[in-house]
Amino acid sequence: MGEKFAQMTQLKIILNKALFFIKPEIMDKLYLIMDYNGKGAINEKEFMVIMRPWASFSATDINNDNELDIHELKTLIWLMDNEEPDDRRVQKDLKLIDDDCSGTIDRLEWI
């Protein structure tokens, strides 16, 4: 009881305006993640689970290219763990997360 929901149609309008600088194909995939169950709505908890990593990605994507290179990833891990990670850890995490083997982590790989 008391759970807050947002309709995906309304949320898309709001997010498309706020995140106009993000490529449409990335936004479309974000919406698929948000509406993974096909109900056309997302609750507050689910929204926060998705948007926290989105925001942390944005905060460390220093050059705003929607990809994290090894240095940006190190900064992200450092911020999350409150201690500087060693280079081996960063390399290992990059390999684990980088699904397309591009050498960088894009927004969807991170989420």
N, C-alpha and C. Protein backbone atom coordinates (compact mmCIF):
# COMPACT_ATOMS: atom_id res chain seq x y z
N MET A 1 0.83 -1.19 0.00
CA MET A 1 0.00 0.00 0.00
C MET A 1 0.87 1.25 0.00
N GLY A 2 0.37 2.28 -0.62
CA GLY A 2 1.07 3.55 -0.62
C GLY A 2 2.24 3.60 -1.59
N GLU A 3 2.41 2.58 -2.40
CA GLU A 3 3.51 2.56 -3.35
C GLU A 3 3.23 3.57 -4.47
N LYS A 4 4.27 4.31 -4.83
CA LYS A 4 4.13 5.32 -5.88
C LYS A 4 4.55 4.72 -7.22
N PHE A 5 3.76 5.03 -8.26
CA PHE A 5 4.01 4.56 -9.61
C PHE A 5 4.04 5.73 -10.57
N ALA A 6 4.74 5.54 -11.69
CA ALA A 6 4.69 6.50 -12.79
C ALA A 6 4.32 5.71 -14.04
N GLN A 7 3.43 6.28 -14.84
CA GLN A 7 3.09 5.69 -16.12
C GLN A 7 4.25 5.93 -17.08
N MET A 8 4.63 4.91 -17.82
CA MET A 8 5.77 5.02 -18.72
C MET A 8 5.56 6.10 -19.79
N THR A 9 4.35 6.26 -20.27
CA THR A 9 4.12 7.28 -21.29
C THR A 9 4.45 8.68 -20.77
N GLN A 10 4.02 8.97 -19.55
CA GLN A 10 4.31 10.27 -18.95
C GLN A 10 5.79 10.41 -18.60
N LEU A 11 6.37 9.34 -18.07
CA LEU A 11 7.78 9.37 -17.70
C LEU A 11 8.67 9.58 -18.92
N LYS A 12 8.32 8.98 -20.04
CA LYS A 12 9.09 9.17 -21.27
C LYS A 12 9.09 10.63 -21.70
N ILE A 13 7.96 11.29 -21.60
CA ILE A 13 7.87 12.70 -21.98
C ILE A 13 8.80 13.54 -21.11
N ILE A 14 8.74 13.30 -19.82
CA ILE A 14 9.57 14.06 -18.88
C ILE A 14 11.05 13.79 -19.11
N LEU A 15 11.42 12.51 -19.21
CA LEU A 15 12.83 12.17 -19.37
C LEU A 15 13.38 12.59 -20.72
N ASN A 16 12.57 12.52 -21.77
CA ASN A 16 13.05 12.96 -23.08
C ASN A 16 13.37 14.45 -23.08
N LYS A 17 12.60 15.24 -22.35
CA LYS A 17 12.88 16.67 -22.24
C LYS A 17 14.13 16.91 -21.40
N ALA A 18 14.24 16.22 -20.27
CA ALA A 18 15.36 16.44 -19.35
C ALA A 18 16.67 15.87 -19.89
N LEU A 19 16.59 14.78 -20.62
CA LEU A 19 17.80 14.10 -21.10
C LEU A 19 17.91 14.18 -22.62
N PHE A 20 17.59 15.33 -23.16
CA PHE A 20 17.58 15.54 -24.61
C PHE A 20 18.92 15.26 -25.27
N PHE A 21 20.00 15.33 -24.52
CA PHE A 21 21.35 15.16 -25.04
C PHE A 21 21.77 13.69 -25.15
N ILE A 22 20.94 12.78 -24.65
CA ILE A 22 21.23 11.35 -24.73
C ILE A 22 20.64 10.80 -26.03
N LYS A 23 21.39 9.97 -26.71
CA LYS A 23 20.95 9.40 -27.98
C LYS A 23 19.61 8.67 -27.81
N PRO A 24 18.70 8.83 -28.78
CA PRO A 24 17.39 8.18 -28.69
C PRO A 24 17.46 6.67 -28.51
N GLU A 25 18.42 6.01 -29.16
CA GLU A 25 18.50 4.55 -29.01
C GLU A 25 18.88 4.14 -27.58
N ILE A 26 19.66 4.97 -26.90
CA ILE A 26 19.98 4.70 -25.50
C ILE A 26 18.74 4.90 -24.65
N MET A 27 18.00 5.96 -24.91
CA MET A 27 16.78 6.22 -24.16
C MET A 27 15.76 5.09 -24.37
N ASP A 28 15.64 4.62 -25.60
CA ASP A 28 14.70 3.52 -25.87
C ASP A 28 15.06 2.28 -25.06
N LYS A 29 16.35 1.98 -24.97
CA LYS A 29 16.78 0.82 -24.18
C LYS A 29 16.55 1.05 -22.70
N LEU A 30 16.75 2.29 -22.25
CA LEU A 30 16.47 2.62 -20.86
C LEU A 30 15.00 2.37 -20.55
N TYR A 31 14.12 2.76 -21.44
CA TYR A 31 12.69 2.55 -21.23
C TYR A 31 12.33 1.06 -21.21
N LEU A 32 13.01 0.28 -22.03
CA LEU A 32 12.79 -1.17 -22.00
C LEU A 32 13.20 -1.76 -20.66
N ILE A 33 14.31 -1.27 -20.13
CA ILE A 33 14.76 -1.73 -18.82
C ILE A 33 13.74 -1.33 -17.75
N MET A 34 13.26 -0.09 -17.83
CA MET A 34 12.31 0.39 -16.84
C MET A 34 10.99 -0.38 -16.88
N ASP A 35 10.57 -0.74 -18.07
CA ASP A 35 9.29 -1.43 -18.22
C ASP A 35 9.52 -2.90 -18.59
N TYR A 36 10.47 -3.51 -17.89
CA TYR A 36 10.86 -4.89 -18.18
C TYR A 36 9.70 -5.88 -18.08
N ASN A 37 8.71 -5.55 -17.25
CA ASN A 37 7.58 -6.47 -17.05
C ASN A 37 6.41 -6.17 -17.99
N GLY A 38 6.53 -5.12 -18.81
CA GLY A 38 5.51 -4.80 -19.80
C GLY A 38 4.22 -4.23 -19.25
N LYS A 39 4.25 -3.75 -18.02
CA LYS A 39 3.03 -3.22 -17.40
C LYS A 39 2.76 -1.76 -17.75
N GLY A 40 3.73 -1.08 -18.37
CA GLY A 40 3.52 0.31 -18.74
C GLY A 40 3.65 1.27 -17.57
N ALA A 41 4.23 0.79 -16.46
CA ALA A 41 4.41 1.63 -15.28
C ALA A 41 5.65 1.16 -14.54
N ILE A 42 6.20 2.04 -13.74
CA ILE A 42 7.37 1.71 -12.92
C ILE A 42 7.13 2.29 -11.53
N ASN A 43 7.50 1.52 -10.51
CA ASN A 43 7.33 2.06 -9.16
C ASN A 43 8.57 2.83 -8.74
N GLU A 44 8.46 3.54 -7.66
CA GLU A 44 9.53 4.43 -7.21
C GLU A 44 10.81 3.65 -6.91
N LYS A 45 10.68 2.51 -6.27
CA LYS A 45 11.87 1.73 -5.92
C LYS A 45 12.60 1.25 -7.17
N GLU A 46 11.86 0.73 -8.15
CA GLU A 46 12.47 0.27 -9.40
C GLU A 46 13.14 1.43 -10.13
N PHE A 47 12.48 2.57 -10.13
CA PHE A 47 13.04 3.76 -10.78
C PHE A 47 14.38 4.14 -10.15
N MET A 48 14.44 4.14 -8.83
CA MET A 48 15.67 4.53 -8.14
C MET A 48 16.78 3.51 -8.37
N VAL A 49 16.44 2.25 -8.44
CA VAL A 49 17.45 1.21 -8.69
C VAL A 49 18.12 1.44 -10.05
N ILE A 50 17.37 1.92 -11.01
CA ILE A 50 17.91 2.20 -12.34
C ILE A 50 18.60 3.56 -12.41
N MET A 51 18.01 4.56 -11.81
CA MET A 51 18.53 5.92 -11.95
C MET A 51 19.77 6.21 -11.10
N ARG A 52 19.97 5.49 -10.01
CA ARG A 52 21.19 5.71 -9.22
C ARG A 52 22.44 5.39 -10.04
N PRO A 53 22.51 4.22 -10.69
CA PRO A 53 23.68 3.98 -11.52
C PRO A 53 23.77 4.95 -12.71
N TRP A 54 22.62 5.35 -13.24
CA TRP A 54 22.60 6.32 -14.33
C TRP A 54 23.25 7.62 -13.88
N ALA A 55 22.87 8.11 -12.70
CA ALA A 55 23.40 9.36 -12.18
C ALA A 55 24.89 9.25 -11.84
N SER A 56 25.30 8.13 -11.28
CA SER A 56 26.71 7.96 -10.95
C SER A 56 27.55 7.91 -12.23
N PHE A 57 27.01 7.30 -13.26
CA PHE A 57 27.68 7.28 -14.56
C PHE A 57 27.85 8.71 -15.07
N SER A 58 26.77 9.48 -15.04
CA SER A 58 26.81 10.86 -15.53
C SER A 58 27.83 11.70 -14.76
N ALA A 59 27.91 11.47 -13.46
CA ALA A 59 28.82 12.27 -12.62
C ALA A 59 30.28 12.00 -12.95
N THR A 60 30.58 10.82 -13.46
CA THR A 60 31.98 10.50 -13.74
C THR A 60 32.33 10.48 -15.23
N ASP A 61 31.35 10.69 -16.09
CA ASP A 61 31.60 10.78 -17.53
C ASP A 61 32.10 12.20 -17.83
N ILE A 62 33.36 12.43 -17.55
CA ILE A 62 33.94 13.77 -17.56
C ILE A 62 33.85 14.44 -18.93
N ASN A 63 34.06 13.70 -20.00
CA ASN A 63 34.02 14.31 -21.33
C ASN A 63 32.65 14.20 -22.00
N ASN A 64 31.65 13.70 -21.27
CA ASN A 64 30.27 13.63 -21.75
C ASN A 64 30.10 12.88 -23.07
N ASP A 65 30.87 11.82 -23.25
CA ASP A 65 30.73 11.04 -24.48
C ASP A 65 29.85 9.80 -24.30
N ASN A 66 29.20 9.69 -23.14
CA ASN A 66 28.32 8.56 -22.81
C ASN A 66 29.06 7.23 -22.77
N GLU A 67 30.36 7.30 -22.49
CA GLU A 67 31.17 6.11 -22.30
C GLU A 67 32.19 6.42 -21.21
N LEU A 68 32.52 5.41 -20.41
CA LEU A 68 33.55 5.57 -19.39
C LEU A 68 34.81 4.88 -19.86
N ASP A 69 35.90 5.65 -19.93
CA ASP A 69 37.18 5.03 -20.22
C ASP A 69 37.76 4.51 -18.90
N ILE A 70 38.93 3.98 -18.93
CA ILE A 70 39.53 3.35 -17.76
C ILE A 70 39.70 4.35 -16.61
N HIS A 71 40.04 5.59 -16.94
CA HIS A 71 40.26 6.62 -15.91
C HIS A 71 38.93 7.05 -15.27
N GLU A 72 37.91 7.20 -16.10
CA GLU A 72 36.60 7.57 -15.57
C GLU A 72 36.02 6.42 -14.72
N LEU A 73 36.23 5.20 -15.17
CA LEU A 73 35.77 4.05 -14.39
C LEU A 73 36.47 4.01 -13.03
N LYS A 74 37.76 4.29 -13.00
CA LYS A 74 38.49 4.32 -11.74
C LYS A 74 37.89 5.35 -10.80
N THR A 75 37.55 6.50 -11.33
CA THR A 75 36.93 7.55 -10.51
C THR A 75 35.58 7.08 -9.98
N LEU A 76 34.80 6.43 -10.81
CA LEU A 76 33.49 5.93 -10.39
C LEU A 76 33.63 4.90 -9.26
N ILE A 77 34.53 3.96 -9.44
CA ILE A 77 34.74 2.95 -8.39
C ILE A 77 35.22 3.61 -7.11
N TRP A 78 36.11 4.57 -7.23
CA TRP A 78 36.63 5.29 -6.07
C TRP A 78 35.50 5.98 -5.32
N LEU A 79 34.63 6.64 -6.04
CA LEU A 79 33.50 7.32 -5.41
C LEU A 79 32.56 6.34 -4.72
N MET A 80 32.34 5.19 -5.33
CA MET A 80 31.41 4.22 -4.76
C MET A 80 31.99 3.52 -3.54
N ASP A 81 33.29 3.23 -3.56
CA ASP A 81 33.92 2.46 -2.48
C ASP A 81 34.59 3.33 -1.42
N ASN A 82 34.67 4.63 -1.67
CA ASN A 82 35.34 5.56 -0.75
C ASN A 82 36.82 5.25 -0.53
N GLU A 83 37.42 4.57 -1.47
CA GLU A 83 38.87 4.36 -1.45
C GLU A 83 39.35 4.12 -2.86
N GLU A 84 40.58 4.55 -3.12
CA GLU A 84 41.12 4.43 -4.47
C GLU A 84 41.35 2.96 -4.83
N PRO A 85 40.76 2.51 -5.94
CA PRO A 85 40.99 1.13 -6.35
C PRO A 85 42.36 0.98 -7.01
N ASP A 86 42.95 -0.20 -6.88
CA ASP A 86 44.21 -0.40 -7.59
C ASP A 86 43.91 -0.67 -9.07
N ASP A 87 44.91 -0.50 -9.88
CA ASP A 87 44.73 -0.60 -11.33
C ASP A 87 44.27 -1.99 -11.77
N ARG A 88 44.70 -3.04 -11.06
CA ARG A 88 44.26 -4.39 -11.42
C ARG A 88 42.76 -4.54 -11.25
N ARG A 89 42.24 -3.97 -10.19
CA ARG A 89 40.78 -4.04 -9.96
C ARG A 89 40.03 -3.33 -11.08
N VAL A 90 40.52 -2.15 -11.45
CA VAL A 90 39.84 -1.37 -12.50
C VAL A 90 39.88 -2.12 -13.83
N GLN A 91 41.02 -2.69 -14.15
CA GLN A 91 41.14 -3.47 -15.39
C GLN A 91 40.18 -4.66 -15.37
N LYS A 92 40.12 -5.36 -14.25
CA LYS A 92 39.24 -6.52 -14.11
C LYS A 92 37.78 -6.12 -14.27
N ASP A 93 37.38 -5.04 -13.59
CA ASP A 93 36.00 -4.57 -13.69
C ASP A 93 35.66 -4.14 -15.11
N LEU A 94 36.58 -3.47 -15.77
CA LEU A 94 36.35 -3.05 -17.16
C LEU A 94 36.07 -4.27 -18.03
N LYS A 95 36.88 -5.30 -17.90
CA LYS A 95 36.69 -6.50 -18.71
C LYS A 95 35.36 -7.19 -18.40
N LEU A 96 34.97 -7.20 -17.14
CA LEU A 96 33.72 -7.84 -16.74
C LEU A 96 32.48 -7.11 -17.27
N ILE A 97 32.54 -5.79 -17.29
CA ILE A 97 31.37 -4.98 -17.63
C ILE A 97 31.28 -4.69 -19.12
N ASP A 98 32.42 -4.61 -19.79
CA ASP A 98 32.48 -4.21 -21.20
C ASP A 98 32.02 -5.34 -22.12
N ASP A 99 30.70 -5.47 -22.27
CA ASP A 99 30.12 -6.57 -23.05
C ASP A 99 30.53 -6.56 -24.52
N ASP A 100 30.67 -5.38 -25.10
CA ASP A 100 30.98 -5.32 -26.53
C ASP A 100 32.49 -5.24 -26.82
N CYS A 101 33.30 -5.35 -25.76
CA CYS A 101 34.77 -5.36 -25.89
C CYS A 101 35.31 -4.11 -26.60
N SER A 102 34.66 -2.97 -26.35
CA SER A 102 35.08 -1.72 -26.98
C SER A 102 36.23 -1.05 -26.23
N GLY A 103 36.51 -1.49 -25.02
CA GLY A 103 37.53 -0.84 -24.20
C GLY A 103 36.97 0.27 -23.34
N THR A 104 35.67 0.51 -23.48
CA THR A 104 34.98 1.50 -22.65
C THR A 104 33.66 0.88 -22.18
N ILE A 105 33.04 1.53 -21.22
CA ILE A 105 31.76 1.07 -20.69
C ILE A 105 30.71 2.12 -21.06
N ASP A 106 29.70 1.69 -21.78
CA ASP A 106 28.62 2.63 -22.10
C ASP A 106 27.57 2.60 -21.00
N ARG A 107 26.65 3.50 -21.09
CA ARG A 107 25.62 3.67 -20.06
C ARG A 107 24.83 2.39 -19.79
N LEU A 108 24.44 1.71 -20.82
CA LEU A 108 23.63 0.51 -20.65
C LEU A 108 24.44 -0.65 -20.08
N GLU A 109 25.71 -0.76 -20.45
CA GLU A 109 26.55 -1.78 -19.85
C GLU A 109 26.68 -1.53 -18.34
N TRP A 110 26.81 -0.28 -17.97
CA TRP A 110 26.93 0.06 -16.56
C TRP A 110 25.66 -0.25 -15.79
N ILE A 111 24.52 0.13 -16.32
CA ILE A 111 23.25 -0.10 -15.62
C ILE A 111 22.99 -1.60 -15.55
